[in-house]
Amino acid sequence: MGKCYPEILTNYIGRTRDALYFKDVLPMLVRFGTKKHIIAYDTDALSKEDSVDGKNQQVFDHVIDFAKQSKAAGIPTYLWTWNANDGKGLDDLLKNRKLPIEVNLLTKQRRAVTLENINQVW
């Protein structure tokens, strides 16, 4: 088996059915001793043009529920987001030589991700 790292990046596809599997992922994150859990949806997964606030409420609710379950398991959880003009997915963003904004889902604080702070829990 390969080396397990305490920081695990879980990149979810922005479909609602995928968000339901977080209950299967949490035991694995606990077993691996995860110190920081990052959720990185494609930018179009969290937005919905025909909604009042432009937010896909169903996906957003799953993200918040996942963060609450992670907190209960003792794992700090963050959301990585970025300007959709910089790329649809995290892979596109990195290809365009940009880094995301990190949102602490418990405190709602935001900060720019840098190579120096990527592993920090705050």
PDB file of N, CA and C in Angstrom:
ATOM      1  N   MET A   1       0.845  -1.178   0.000  1.00  0.00           N
ATOM      2  CA  MET A   1       0.000   0.000   0.000  1.00  0.00           C
ATOM      3  C   MET A   1       0.881   1.229   0.000  1.00  0.00           C
ATOM      4  N   GLY A   2       0.447   2.283  -0.696  1.00  0.00           N
ATOM      5  CA  GLY A   2       1.210   3.519  -0.800  1.00  0.00           C
ATOM      6  C   GLY A   2       1.216   4.283   0.514  1.00  0.00           C
ATOM      7  N   LYS A   3       2.060   5.277   0.572  1.00  0.00           N
ATOM      8  CA  LYS A   3       2.178   6.109   1.760  1.00  0.00           C
ATOM      9  C   LYS A   3       0.908   6.937   1.950  1.00  0.00           C
ATOM     10  N   CYS A   4       0.396   6.987   3.156  1.00  0.00           N
ATOM     11  CA  CYS A   4      -0.795   7.783   3.472  1.00  0.00           C
ATOM     12  C   CYS A   4      -0.357   9.110   4.069  1.00  0.00           C
ATOM     13  N   TYR A   5      -0.922  10.176   3.610  1.00  0.00           N
ATOM     14  CA  TYR A   5      -0.599  11.505   4.105  1.00  0.00           C
ATOM     15  C   TYR A   5      -1.712  11.992   5.016  1.00  0.00           C
ATOM     16  N   PRO A   6      -1.376  12.771   6.056  1.00  0.00           N
ATOM     17  CA  PRO A   6      -2.416  13.274   6.948  1.00  0.00           C
ATOM     18  C   PRO A   6      -3.313  14.310   6.290  1.00  0.00           C
ATOM     19  N   GLU A   7      -2.862  14.916   5.204  1.00  0.00           N
ATOM     20  CA  GLU A   7      -3.707  15.856   4.469  1.00  0.00           C
ATOM     21  C   GLU A   7      -4.220  15.130   3.230  1.00  0.00           C
ATOM     22  N   ILE A   8      -5.505  15.028   3.094  1.00  0.00           N
ATOM     23  CA  ILE A   8      -6.098  14.328   1.955  1.00  0.00           C
ATOM     24  C   ILE A   8      -6.953  15.328   1.188  1.00  0.00           C
ATOM     25  N   LEU A   9      -6.726  15.423  -0.092  1.00  0.00           N
ATOM     26  CA  LEU A   9      -7.534  16.287  -0.937  1.00  0.00           C
ATOM     27  C   LEU A   9      -8.594  15.426  -1.588  1.00  0.00           C
ATOM     28  N   THR A  10      -9.839  15.703  -1.283  1.00  0.00           N
ATOM     29  CA  THR A  10     -10.947  14.959  -1.858  1.00  0.00           C
ATOM     30  C   THR A  10     -11.630  15.873  -2.859  1.00  0.00           C
ATOM     31  N   ASN A  11     -11.521  15.560  -4.126  1.00  0.00           N
ATOM     32  CA  ASN A  11     -12.098  16.398  -5.167  1.00  0.00           C
ATOM     33  C   ASN A  11     -13.409  15.768  -5.617  1.00  0.00           C
ATOM     34  N   TYR A  12     -14.508  16.386  -5.259  1.00  0.00           N
ATOM     35  CA  TYR A  12     -15.826  15.872  -5.587  1.00  0.00           C
ATOM     36  C   TYR A  12     -16.318  16.414  -6.909  1.00  0.00           C
ATOM     37  N   ILE A  13     -16.925  15.545  -7.676  1.00  0.00           N
ATOM     38  CA  ILE A  13     -17.619  15.981  -8.882  1.00  0.00           C
ATOM     39  C   ILE A  13     -18.893  16.653  -8.403  1.00  0.00           C
ATOM     40  N   GLY A  14     -19.259  17.762  -9.014  1.00  0.00           N
ATOM     41  CA  GLY A  14     -20.345  18.574  -8.512  1.00  0.00           C
ATOM     42  C   GLY A  14     -21.738  18.072  -8.745  1.00  0.00           C
ATOM     43  N   ARG A  15     -21.940  16.785  -8.754  1.00  0.00           N
ATOM     44  CA  ARG A  15     -23.295  16.249  -8.893  1.00  0.00           C
ATOM     45  C   ARG A  15     -23.819  15.871  -7.518  1.00  0.00           C
ATOM     46  N   THR A  16     -25.088  16.099  -7.300  1.00  0.00           N
ATOM     47  CA  THR A  16     -25.695  15.853  -5.993  1.00  0.00           C
ATOM     48  C   THR A  16     -25.496  14.413  -5.541  1.00  0.00           C
ATOM     49  N   ARG A  17     -25.627  13.455  -6.417  1.00  0.00           N
ATOM     50  CA  ARG A  17     -25.503  12.056  -6.005  1.00  0.00           C
ATOM     51  C   ARG A  17     -24.123  11.769  -5.430  1.00  0.00           C
ATOM     52  N   ASP A  18     -23.087  12.448  -5.924  1.00  0.00           N
ATOM     53  CA  ASP A  18     -21.748  12.242  -5.394  1.00  0.00           C
ATOM     54  C   ASP A  18     -21.614  12.823  -3.999  1.00  0.00           C
ATOM     55  N   ALA A  19     -22.299  13.916  -3.738  1.00  0.00           N
ATOM     56  CA  ALA A  19     -22.222  14.551  -2.425  1.00  0.00           C
ATOM     57  C   ALA A  19     -22.812  13.652  -1.336  1.00  0.00           C
ATOM     58  N   LEU A  20     -23.687  12.743  -1.699  1.00  0.00           N
ATOM     59  CA  LEU A  20     -24.311  11.870  -0.711  1.00  0.00           C
ATOM     60  C   LEU A  20     -23.343  10.837  -0.145  1.00  0.00           C
ATOM     61  N   TYR A  21     -22.231  10.599  -0.805  1.00  0.00           N
ATOM     62  CA  TYR A  21     -21.292   9.582  -0.377  1.00  0.00           C
ATOM     63  C   TYR A  21     -20.330  10.051   0.706  1.00  0.00           C
ATOM     64  N   PHE A  22     -20.473  11.266   1.188  1.00  0.00           N
ATOM     65  CA  PHE A  22     -19.538  11.750   2.195  1.00  0.00           C
ATOM     66  C   PHE A  22     -19.579  10.898   3.449  1.00  0.00           C
ATOM     67  N   LYS A  23     -20.713  10.295   3.743  1.00  0.00           N
ATOM     68  CA  LYS A  23     -20.796   9.442   4.926  1.00  0.00           C
ATOM     69  C   LYS A  23     -19.917   8.204   4.777  1.00  0.00           C
ATOM     70  N   ASP A  24     -19.641   7.806   3.537  1.00  0.00           N
ATOM     71  CA  ASP A  24     -18.720   6.698   3.293  1.00  0.00           C
ATOM     72  C   ASP A  24     -17.275   7.149   3.378  1.00  0.00           C
ATOM     73  N   VAL A  25     -17.012   8.416   3.078  1.00  0.00           N
ATOM     74  CA  VAL A  25     -15.655   8.955   3.065  1.00  0.00           C
ATOM     75  C   VAL A  25     -15.164   9.277   4.479  1.00  0.00           C
ATOM     76  N   LEU A  26     -16.042   9.754   5.342  1.00  0.00           N
ATOM     77  CA  LEU A  26     -15.628  10.190   6.684  1.00  0.00           C
ATOM     78  C   LEU A  26     -14.893   9.116   7.486  1.00  0.00           C
ATOM     79  N   PRO A  27     -15.362   7.875   7.536  1.00  0.00           N
ATOM     80  CA  PRO A  27     -14.606   6.865   8.300  1.00  0.00           C
ATOM     81  C   PRO A  27     -13.176   6.682   7.773  1.00  0.00           C
ATOM     82  N   MET A  28     -13.018   6.786   6.460  1.00  0.00           N
ATOM     83  CA  MET A  28     -11.684   6.668   5.882  1.00  0.00           C
ATOM     84  C   MET A  28     -10.803   7.843   6.308  1.00  0.00           C
ATOM     85  N   LEU A  29     -11.359   9.050   6.298  1.00  0.00           N
ATOM     86  CA  LEU A  29     -10.594  10.224   6.705  1.00  0.00           C
ATOM     87  C   LEU A  29     -10.157  10.108   8.167  1.00  0.00           C
ATOM     88  N   VAL A  30     -11.039   9.587   9.010  1.00  0.00           N
ATOM     89  CA  VAL A  30     -10.699   9.379  10.428  1.00  0.00           C
ATOM     90  C   VAL A  30      -9.614   8.314  10.554  1.00  0.00           C
ATOM     91  N   ARG A  31      -9.779   7.210   9.851  1.00  0.00           N
ATOM     92  CA  ARG A  31      -8.817   6.108   9.928  1.00  0.00           C
ATOM     93  C   ARG A  31      -7.414   6.551   9.506  1.00  0.00           C
ATOM     94  N   PHE A  32      -7.329   7.421   8.495  1.00  0.00           N
ATOM     95  CA  PHE A  32      -6.033   7.903   8.023  1.00  0.00           C
ATOM     96  C   PHE A  32      -5.468   9.025   8.884  1.00  0.00           C
ATOM     97  N   GLY A  33      -6.219   9.471   9.892  1.00  0.00           N
ATOM     98  CA  GLY A  33      -5.731  10.543  10.752  1.00  0.00           C
ATOM     99  C   GLY A  33      -5.659  11.882  10.047  1.00  0.00           C
ATOM    100  N   THR A  34      -6.615  12.152   9.181  1.00  0.00           N
ATOM    101  CA  THR A  34      -6.626  13.381   8.394  1.00  0.00           C
ATOM    102  C   THR A  34      -6.623  14.607   9.294  1.00  0.00           C
ATOM    103  N   LYS A  35      -5.733  15.535   9.010  1.00  0.00           N
ATOM    104  CA  LYS A  35      -5.621  16.771   9.792  1.00  0.00           C
ATOM    105  C   LYS A  35      -6.357  17.937   9.143  1.00  0.00           C
ATOM    106  N   LYS A  36      -6.572  17.834   7.832  1.00  0.00           N
ATOM    107  CA  LYS A  36      -7.238  18.915   7.102  1.00  0.00           C
ATOM    108  C   LYS A  36      -7.954  18.307   5.904  1.00  0.00           C
ATOM    109  N   HIS A  37      -9.247  18.579   5.789  1.00  0.00           N
ATOM    110  CA  HIS A  37     -10.045  18.062   4.684  1.00  0.00           C
ATOM    111  C   HIS A  37     -10.448  19.228   3.801  1.00  0.00           C
ATOM    112  N   ILE A  38     -10.150  19.096   2.512  1.00  0.00           N
ATOM    113  CA  ILE A  38     -10.454  20.157   1.548  1.00  0.00           C
ATOM    114  C   ILE A  38     -11.473  19.647   0.550  1.00  0.00           C
ATOM    115  N   ILE A  39     -12.559  20.409   0.373  1.00  0.00           N
ATOM    116  CA  ILE A  39     -13.572  20.104  -0.633  1.00  0.00           C
ATOM    117  C   ILE A  39     -13.354  21.082  -1.779  1.00  0.00           C
ATOM    118  N   ALA A  40     -13.234  20.557  -2.995  1.00  0.00           N
ATOM    119  CA  ALA A  40     -13.005  21.410  -4.169  1.00  0.00           C
ATOM    120  C   ALA A  40     -13.960  20.988  -5.284  1.00  0.00           C
ATOM    121  N   TYR A  41     -15.121  21.620  -5.334  1.00  0.00           N
ATOM    122  CA  TYR A  41     -16.089  21.370  -6.395  1.00  0.00           C
ATOM    123  C   TYR A  41     -15.714  22.181  -7.624  1.00  0.00           C
ATOM    124  N   ASP A  42     -16.085  21.713  -8.805  1.00  0.00           N
ATOM    125  CA  ASP A  42     -15.991  22.559  -9.983  1.00  0.00           C
ATOM    126  C   ASP A  42     -16.861  23.787  -9.740  1.00  0.00           C
ATOM    127  N   THR A  43     -16.484  24.920 -10.308  1.00  0.00           N
ATOM    128  CA  THR A  43     -17.191  26.174 -10.027  1.00  0.00           C
ATOM    129  C   THR A  43     -18.661  26.141 -10.430  1.00  0.00           C
ATOM    130  N   ASP A  44     -19.002  25.382 -11.457  1.00  0.00           N
ATOM    131  CA  ASP A  44     -20.400  25.354 -11.882  1.00  0.00           C
ATOM    132  C   ASP A  44     -21.283  24.524 -10.947  1.00  0.00           C
ATOM    133  N   ALA A  45     -20.706  23.731 -10.065  1.00  0.00           N
ATOM    134  CA  ALA A  45     -21.498  22.907  -9.154  1.00  0.00           C
ATOM    135  C   ALA A  45     -22.161  23.727  -8.060  1.00  0.00           C
ATOM    136  N   LEU A  46     -21.513  24.804  -7.631  1.00  0.00           N
ATOM    137  CA  LEU A  46     -22.048  25.608  -6.531  1.00  0.00           C
ATOM    138  C   LEU A  46     -22.944  26.747  -7.000  1.00  0.00           C
ATOM    139  N   SER A  47     -23.009  26.972  -8.308  1.00  0.00           N
ATOM    140  CA  SER A  47     -23.822  28.076  -8.809  1.00  0.00           C
ATOM    141  C   SER A  47     -25.040  27.552  -9.566  1.00  0.00           C
ATOM    142  N   LYS A  48     -26.068  28.376  -9.566  1.00  0.00           N
ATOM    143  CA  LYS A  48     -27.296  28.028 -10.280  1.00  0.00           C
ATOM    144  C   LYS A  48     -27.909  29.338 -10.769  1.00  0.00           C
ATOM    145  N   GLU A  49     -27.860  29.543 -12.063  1.00  0.00           N
ATOM    146  CA  GLU A  49     -28.269  30.825 -12.638  1.00  0.00           C
ATOM    147  C   GLU A  49     -29.717  31.197 -12.354  1.00  0.00           C
ATOM    148  N   ASP A  50     -30.620  30.228 -12.313  1.00  0.00           N
ATOM    149  CA  ASP A  50     -32.037  30.549 -12.147  1.00  0.00           C
ATOM    150  C   ASP A  50     -32.475  30.660 -10.687  1.00  0.00           C
ATOM    151  N   SER A  51     -31.531  30.595  -9.739  1.00  0.00           N
ATOM    152  CA  SER A  51     -31.904  30.755  -8.335  1.00  0.00           C
ATOM    153  C   SER A  51     -31.815  32.227  -7.942  1.00  0.00           C
ATOM    154  N   VAL A  52     -32.482  32.582  -6.865  1.00  0.00           N
ATOM    155  CA  VAL A  52     -32.551  33.978  -6.421  1.00  0.00           C
ATOM    156  C   VAL A  52     -31.173  34.525  -6.087  1.00  0.00           C
ATOM    157  N   ASP A  53     -30.357  33.741  -5.376  1.00  0.00           N
ATOM    158  CA  ASP A  53     -29.044  34.218  -4.951  1.00  0.00           C
ATOM    159  C   ASP A  53     -27.899  33.676  -5.810  1.00  0.00           C
ATOM    160  N   GLY A  54     -28.222  32.963  -6.893  1.00  0.00           N
ATOM    161  CA  GLY A  54     -27.200  32.427  -7.778  1.00  0.00           C
ATOM    162  C   GLY A  54     -26.513  31.184  -7.239  1.00  0.00           C
ATOM    163  N   LYS A  55     -27.013  30.662  -6.131  1.00  0.00           N
ATOM    164  CA  LYS A  55     -26.384  29.533  -5.451  1.00  0.00           C
ATOM    165  C   LYS A  55     -27.178  28.253  -5.705  1.00  0.00           C
ATOM    166  N   ASN A  56     -26.492  27.149  -5.912  1.00  0.00           N
ATOM    167  CA  ASN A  56     -27.135  25.840  -5.993  1.00  0.00           C
ATOM    168  C   ASN A  56     -27.325  25.367  -4.553  1.00  0.00           C
ATOM    169  N   GLN A  57     -28.481  25.665  -3.995  1.00  0.00           N
ATOM    170  CA  GLN A  57     -28.735  25.429  -2.579  1.00  0.00           C
ATOM    171  C   GLN A  57     -28.576  23.973  -2.184  1.00  0.00           C
ATOM    172  N   GLN A  58     -28.983  23.053  -3.041  1.00  0.00           N
ATOM    173  CA  GLN A  58     -28.907  21.631  -2.713  1.00  0.00           C
ATOM    174  C   GLN A  58     -27.444  21.198  -2.539  1.00  0.00           C
ATOM    175  N   VAL A  59     -26.586  21.582  -3.462  1.00  0.00           N
ATOM    176  CA  VAL A  59     -25.170  21.224  -3.345  1.00  0.00           C
ATOM    177  C   VAL A  59     -24.552  21.940  -2.150  1.00  0.00           C
ATOM    178  N   PHE A  60     -24.888  23.227  -1.981  1.00  0.00           N
ATOM    179  CA  PHE A  60     -24.355  24.002  -0.861  1.00  0.00           C
ATOM    180  C   PHE A  60     -24.740  23.358   0.472  1.00  0.00           C
ATOM    181  N   ASP A  61     -25.978  22.902   0.596  1.00  0.00           N
ATOM    182  CA  ASP A  61     -26.427  22.238   1.829  1.00  0.00           C
ATOM    183  C   ASP A  61     -25.631  20.968   2.101  1.00  0.00           C
ATOM    184  N   HIS A  62     -25.309  20.219   1.046  1.00  0.00           N
ATOM    185  CA  HIS A  62     -24.491  19.010   1.207  1.00  0.00           C
ATOM    186  C   HIS A  62     -23.087  19.367   1.695  1.00  0.00           C
ATOM    187  N   VAL A  63     -22.529  20.443   1.160  1.00  0.00           N
ATOM    188  CA  VAL A  63     -21.189  20.873   1.577  1.00  0.00           C
ATOM    189  C   VAL A  63     -21.201  21.231   3.062  1.00  0.00           C
ATOM    190  N   ILE A  64     -22.203  21.988   3.500  1.00  0.00           N
ATOM    191  CA  ILE A  64     -22.307  22.393   4.901  1.00  0.00           C
ATOM    192  C   ILE A  64     -22.523  21.167   5.794  1.00  0.00           C
ATOM    193  N   ASP A  65     -23.371  20.233   5.359  1.00  0.00           N
ATOM    194  CA  ASP A  65     -23.600  19.012   6.137  1.00  0.00           C
ATOM    195  C   ASP A  65     -22.310  18.205   6.257  1.00  0.00           C
ATOM    196  N   PHE A  66     -21.566  18.118   5.162  1.00  0.00           N
ATOM    197  CA  PHE A  66     -20.283  17.407   5.177  1.00  0.00           C
ATOM    198  C   PHE A  66     -19.327  18.071   6.163  1.00  0.00           C
ATOM    199  N   ALA A  67     -19.289  19.397   6.155  1.00  0.00           N
ATOM    200  CA  ALA A  67     -18.410  20.130   7.080  1.00  0.00           C
ATOM    201  C   ALA A  67     -18.810  19.858   8.533  1.00  0.00           C
ATOM    202  N   LYS A  68     -20.104  19.823   8.812  1.00  0.00           N
ATOM    203  CA  LYS A  68     -20.573  19.555  10.175  1.00  0.00           C
ATOM    204  C   LYS A  68     -20.207  18.135  10.608  1.00  0.00           C
ATOM    205  N   GLN A  69     -20.382  17.175   9.702  1.00  0.00           N
ATOM    206  CA  GLN A  69     -20.032  15.794  10.017  1.00  0.00           C
ATOM    207  C   GLN A  69     -18.518  15.654  10.227  1.00  0.00           C
ATOM    208  N   SER A  70     -17.745  16.369   9.421  1.00  0.00           N
ATOM    209  CA  SER A  70     -16.284  16.354   9.573  1.00  0.00           C
ATOM    210  C   SER A  70     -15.872  16.959  10.903  1.00  0.00           C
ATOM    211  N   LYS A  71     -16.531  18.054  11.290  1.00  0.00           N
ATOM    212  CA  LYS A  71     -16.232  18.686  12.582  1.00  0.00           C
ATOM    213  C   LYS A  71     -16.526  17.707  13.714  1.00  0.00           C
ATOM    214  N   ALA A  72     -17.671  17.019  13.621  1.00  0.00           N
ATOM    215  CA  ALA A  72     -18.036  16.047  14.649  1.00  0.00           C
ATOM    216  C   ALA A  72     -17.001  14.923  14.726  1.00  0.00           C
ATOM    217  N   ALA A  73     -16.353  14.629  13.600  1.00  0.00           N
ATOM    218  CA  ALA A  73     -15.327  13.591  13.565  1.00  0.00           C
ATOM    219  C   ALA A  73     -13.952  14.155  13.945  1.00  0.00           C
ATOM    220  N   GLY A  74     -13.896  15.467  14.226  1.00  0.00           N
ATOM    221  CA  GLY A  74     -12.638  16.091  14.623  1.00  0.00           C
ATOM    222  C   GLY A  74     -11.729  16.478  13.468  1.00  0.00           C
ATOM    223  N   ILE A  75     -12.286  16.634  12.263  1.00  0.00           N
ATOM    224  CA  ILE A  75     -11.494  16.981  11.081  1.00  0.00           C
ATOM    225  C   ILE A  75     -11.890  18.371  10.580  1.00  0.00           C
ATOM    226  N   PRO A  76     -10.982  19.347  10.659  1.00  0.00           N
ATOM    227  CA  PRO A  76     -11.279  20.669  10.097  1.00  0.00           C
ATOM    228  C   PRO A  76     -11.508  20.563   8.585  1.00  0.00           C
ATOM    229  N   THR A  77     -12.555  21.223   8.097  1.00  0.00           N
ATOM    230  CA  THR A  77     -12.927  21.123   6.691  1.00  0.00           C
ATOM    231  C   THR A  77     -12.970  22.496   6.043  1.00  0.00           C
ATOM    232  N   TYR A  78     -12.440  22.549   4.832  1.00  0.00           N
ATOM    233  CA  TYR A  78     -12.319  23.798   4.080  1.00  0.00           C
ATOM    234  C   TYR A  78     -12.882  23.605   2.687  1.00  0.00           C
ATOM    235  N   LEU A  79     -13.361  24.683   2.116  1.00  0.00           N
ATOM    236  CA  LEU A  79     -13.834  24.691   0.739  1.00  0.00           C
ATOM    237  C   LEU A  79     -12.855  25.518  -0.073  1.00  0.00           C
ATOM    238  N   TRP A  80     -12.404  24.963  -1.182  1.00  0.00           N
ATOM    239  CA  TRP A  80     -11.576  25.725  -2.115  1.00  0.00           C
ATOM    240  C   TRP A  80     -12.488  26.218  -3.219  1.00  0.00           C
ATOM    241  N   THR A  81     -12.390  27.504  -3.504  1.00  0.00           N
ATOM    242  CA  THR A  81     -13.194  28.111  -4.552  1.00  0.00           C
ATOM    243  C   THR A  81     -12.321  29.076  -5.342  1.00  0.00           C
ATOM    244  N   TRP A  82     -12.809  29.490  -6.479  1.00  0.00           N
ATOM    245  CA  TRP A  82     -12.044  30.379  -7.349  1.00  0.00           C
ATOM    246  C   TRP A  82     -12.978  30.994  -8.364  1.00  0.00           C
ATOM    247  N   ASN A  83     -12.458  31.993  -9.069  1.00  0.00           N
ATOM    248  CA  ASN A  83     -13.204  32.664 -10.120  1.00  0.00           C
ATOM    249  C   ASN A  83     -13.356  31.708 -11.297  1.00  0.00           C
ATOM    250  N   ALA A  84     -14.574  31.527 -11.757  1.00  0.00           N
ATOM    251  CA  ALA A  84     -14.843  30.599 -12.857  1.00  0.00           C
ATOM    252  C   ALA A  84     -14.102  30.996 -14.128  1.00  0.00           C
ATOM    253  N   ASN A  85     -13.767  32.272 -14.274  1.00  0.00           N
ATOM    254  CA  ASN A  85     -13.001  32.711 -15.450  1.00  0.00           C
ATOM    255  C   ASN A  85     -11.574  32.147 -15.441  1.00  0.00           C
ATOM    256  N   ASP A  86     -11.098  31.707 -14.277  1.00  0.00           N
ATOM    257  CA  ASP A  86      -9.754  31.141 -14.168  1.00  0.00           C
ATOM    258  C   ASP A  86      -9.734  29.637 -14.409  1.00  0.00           C
ATOM    259  N   GLY A  87     -10.913  29.036 -14.545  1.00  0.00           N
ATOM    260  CA  GLY A  87     -10.997  27.603 -14.820  1.00  0.00           C
ATOM    261  C   GLY A  87     -12.212  26.995 -14.170  1.00  0.00           C
ATOM    262  N   LYS A  88     -12.808  26.018 -14.842  1.00  0.00           N
ATOM    263  CA  LYS A  88     -13.992  25.360 -14.301  1.00  0.00           C
ATOM    264  C   LYS A  88     -13.644  24.473 -13.108  1.00  0.00           C
ATOM    265  N   GLY A  89     -12.606  23.654 -13.275  1.00  0.00           N
ATOM    266  CA  GLY A  89     -12.199  22.736 -12.224  1.00  0.00           C
ATOM    267  C   GLY A  89     -10.858  23.122 -11.630  1.00  0.00           C
ATOM    268  N   LEU A  90     -10.515  22.460 -10.535  1.00  0.00           N
ATOM    269  CA  LEU A  90      -9.235  22.711  -9.878  1.00  0.00           C
ATOM    270  C   LEU A  90      -8.076  22.434 -10.828  1.00  0.00           C
ATOM    271  N   ASP A  91      -8.210  21.400 -11.636  1.00  0.00           N
ATOM    272  CA  ASP A  91      -7.149  21.094 -12.600  1.00  0.00           C
ATOM    273  C   ASP A  91      -6.954  22.229 -13.598  1.00  0.00           C
ATOM    274  N   ASP A  92      -8.061  22.831 -14.051  1.00  0.00           N
ATOM    275  CA  ASP A  92      -7.970  23.970 -14.974  1.00  0.00           C
ATOM    276  C   ASP A  92      -7.320  25.169 -14.295  1.00  0.00           C
ATOM    277  N   LEU A  93      -7.701  25.413 -13.052  1.00  0.00           N
ATOM    278  CA  LEU A  93      -7.146  26.533 -12.285  1.00  0.00           C
ATOM    279  C   LEU A  93      -5.629  26.397 -12.172  1.00  0.00           C
ATOM    280  N   LEU A  94      -5.167  25.207 -11.795  1.00  0.00           N
ATOM    281  CA  LEU A  94      -3.728  24.985 -11.644  1.00  0.00           C
ATOM    282  C   LEU A  94      -3.000  25.072 -12.983  1.00  0.00           C
ATOM    283  N   LYS A  95      -3.646  24.568 -14.015  1.00  0.00           N
ATOM    284  CA  LYS A  95      -3.059  24.655 -15.353  1.00  0.00           C
ATOM    285  C   LYS A  95      -2.864  26.119 -15.763  1.00  0.00           C
ATOM    286  N   ASN A  96      -3.768  26.970 -15.306  1.00  0.00           N
ATOM    287  CA  ASN A  96      -3.687  28.405 -15.600  1.00  0.00           C
ATOM    288  C   ASN A  96      -2.785  29.150 -14.611  1.00  0.00           C
ATOM    289  N   ARG A  97      -2.041  28.373 -13.808  1.00  0.00           N
ATOM    290  CA  ARG A  97      -1.063  28.912 -12.852  1.00  0.00           C
ATOM    291  C   ARG A  97      -1.689  29.834 -11.800  1.00  0.00           C
ATOM    292  N   LYS A  98      -2.858  29.426 -11.334  1.00  0.00           N
ATOM    293  CA  LYS A  98      -3.561  30.161 -10.277  1.00  0.00           C
ATOM    294  C   LYS A  98      -3.797  29.212  -9.113  1.00  0.00           C
ATOM    295  N   LEU A  99      -4.046  29.787  -7.942  1.00  0.00           N
ATOM    296  CA  LEU A  99      -4.372  29.007  -6.749  1.00  0.00           C
ATOM    297  C   LEU A  99      -5.729  29.464  -6.225  1.00  0.00           C
ATOM    298  N   PRO A 100      -6.426  28.586  -5.511  1.00  0.00           N
ATOM    299  CA  PRO A 100      -7.779  28.907  -5.037  1.00  0.00           C
ATOM    300  C   PRO A 100      -7.794  29.790  -3.791  1.00  0.00           C
ATOM    301  N   ILE A 101      -8.989  30.172  -3.429  1.00  0.00           N
ATOM    302  CA  ILE A 101      -9.279  30.818  -2.153  1.00  0.00           C
ATOM    303  C   ILE A 101      -9.783  29.713  -1.239  1.00  0.00           C
ATOM    304  N   GLU A 102      -9.328  29.717  -0.006  1.00  0.00           N
ATOM    305  CA  GLU A 102      -9.719  28.696   0.962  1.00  0.00           C
ATOM    306  C   GLU A 102     -10.709  29.308   1.945  1.00  0.00           C
ATOM    307  N   VAL A 103     -11.853  28.652   2.120  1.00  0.00           N
ATOM    308  CA  VAL A 103     -12.883  29.103   3.051  1.00  0.00           C
ATOM    309  C   VAL A 103     -12.961  28.107   4.191  1.00  0.00           C
ATOM    310  N   ASN A 104     -12.752  28.582   5.404  1.00  0.00           N
ATOM    311  CA  ASN A 104     -12.937  27.751   6.586  1.00  0.00           C
ATOM    312  C   ASN A 104     -14.445  27.629   6.786  1.00  0.00           C
ATOM    313  N   LEU A 105     -14.982  26.434   6.636  1.00  0.00           N
ATOM    314  CA  LEU A 105     -16.436  26.274   6.663  1.00  0.00           C
ATOM    315  C   LEU A 105     -17.047  26.444   8.052  1.00  0.00           C
ATOM    316  N   LEU A 106     -16.238  26.457   9.084  1.00  0.00           N
ATOM    317  CA  LEU A 106     -16.771  26.681  10.433  1.00  0.00           C
ATOM    318  C   LEU A 106     -16.776  28.159  10.804  1.00  0.00           C
ATOM    319  N   THR A 107     -15.704  28.863  10.441  1.00  0.00           N
ATOM    320  CA  THR A 107     -15.609  30.280  10.814  1.00  0.00           C
ATOM    321  C   THR A 107     -16.019  31.215   9.687  1.00  0.00           C
ATOM    322  N   LYS A 108     -16.119  30.695   8.467  1.00  0.00           N
ATOM    323  CA  LYS A 108     -16.431  31.460   7.253  1.00  0.00           C
ATOM    324  C   LYS A 108     -15.307  32.409   6.849  1.00  0.00           C
ATOM    325  N   GLN A 109     -14.148  32.312   7.504  1.00  0.00           N
ATOM    326  CA  GLN A 109     -13.007  33.132   7.120  1.00  0.00           C
ATOM    327  C   GLN A 109     -12.442  32.626   5.811  1.00  0.00           C
ATOM    328  N   ARG A 110     -11.819  33.558   5.065  1.00  0.00           N
ATOM    329  CA  ARG A 110     -11.240  33.231   3.763  1.00  0.00           C
ATOM    330  C   ARG A 110      -9.795  33.670   3.717  1.00  0.00           C
ATOM    331  N   ARG A 111      -9.019  32.942   2.919  1.00  0.00           N
ATOM    332  CA  ARG A 111      -7.643  33.357   2.673  1.00  0.00           C
ATOM    333  C   ARG A 111      -7.194  32.761   1.341  1.00  0.00           C
ATOM    334  N   ALA A 112      -6.231  33.413   0.742  1.00  0.00           N
ATOM    335  CA  ALA A 112      -5.659  32.901  -0.499  1.00  0.00           C
ATOM    336  C   ALA A 112      -4.766  31.713  -0.169  1.00  0.00           C
ATOM    337  N   VAL A 113      -4.855  30.669  -0.951  1.00  0.00           N
ATOM    338  CA  VAL A 113      -3.987  29.514  -0.788  1.00  0.00           C
ATOM    339  C   VAL A 113      -2.630  29.861  -1.389  1.00  0.00           C
ATOM    340  N   THR A 114      -1.588  29.560  -0.639  1.00  0.00           N
ATOM    341  CA  THR A 114      -0.223  29.714  -1.131  1.00  0.00           C
ATOM    342  C   THR A 114       0.509  28.396  -0.914  1.00  0.00           C
ATOM    343  N   LEU A 115       1.637  28.249  -1.541  1.00  0.00           N
ATOM    344  CA  LEU A 115       2.419  27.026  -1.331  1.00  0.00           C
ATOM    345  C   LEU A 115       2.909  26.937   0.102  1.00  0.00           C
ATOM    346  N   GLU A 116       3.051  28.077   0.778  1.00  0.00           N
ATOM    347  CA  GLU A 116       3.514  28.086   2.166  1.00  0.00           C
ATOM    348  C   GLU A 116       2.416  27.690   3.145  1.00  0.00           C
ATOM    349  N   ASN A 117       1.145  28.005   2.856  1.00  0.00           N
ATOM    350  CA  ASN A 117       0.083  27.767   3.844  1.00  0.00           C
ATOM    351  C   ASN A 117      -0.860  26.623   3.476  1.00  0.00           C
ATOM    352  N   ILE A 118      -0.587  25.911   2.410  1.00  0.00           N
ATOM    353  CA  ILE A 118      -1.527  24.913   1.913  1.00  0.00           C
ATOM    354  C   ILE A 118      -1.845  23.828   2.947  1.00  0.00           C
ATOM    355  N   ASN A 119      -0.901  23.491   3.819  1.00  0.00           N
ATOM    356  CA  ASN A 119      -1.114  22.424   4.808  1.00  0.00           C
ATOM    357  C   ASN A 119      -1.580  22.930   6.164  1.00  0.00           C
ATOM    358  N   GLN A 120      -1.624  24.235   6.339  1.00  0.00           N
ATOM    359  CA  GLN A 120      -1.967  24.789   7.651  1.00  0.00           C
ATOM    360  C   GLN A 120      -3.450  24.655   7.962  1.00  0.00           C
ATOM    361  N   VAL A 121      -3.722  24.284   9.191  1.00  0.00           N
ATOM    362  CA  VAL A 121      -5.087  24.269   9.721  1.00  0.00           C
ATOM    363  C   VAL A 121      -5.262  25.576  10.471  1.00  0.00           C
ATOM    364  N   TRP A 122      -6.332  26.295  10.187  1.00  0.00           N
ATOM    365  CA  TRP A 122      -6.556  27.595  10.828  1.00  0.00           C
ATOM    366  C   TRP A 122      -8.004  27.787  11.171  1.00  0.00           C
TER     367      TRP A 122
END
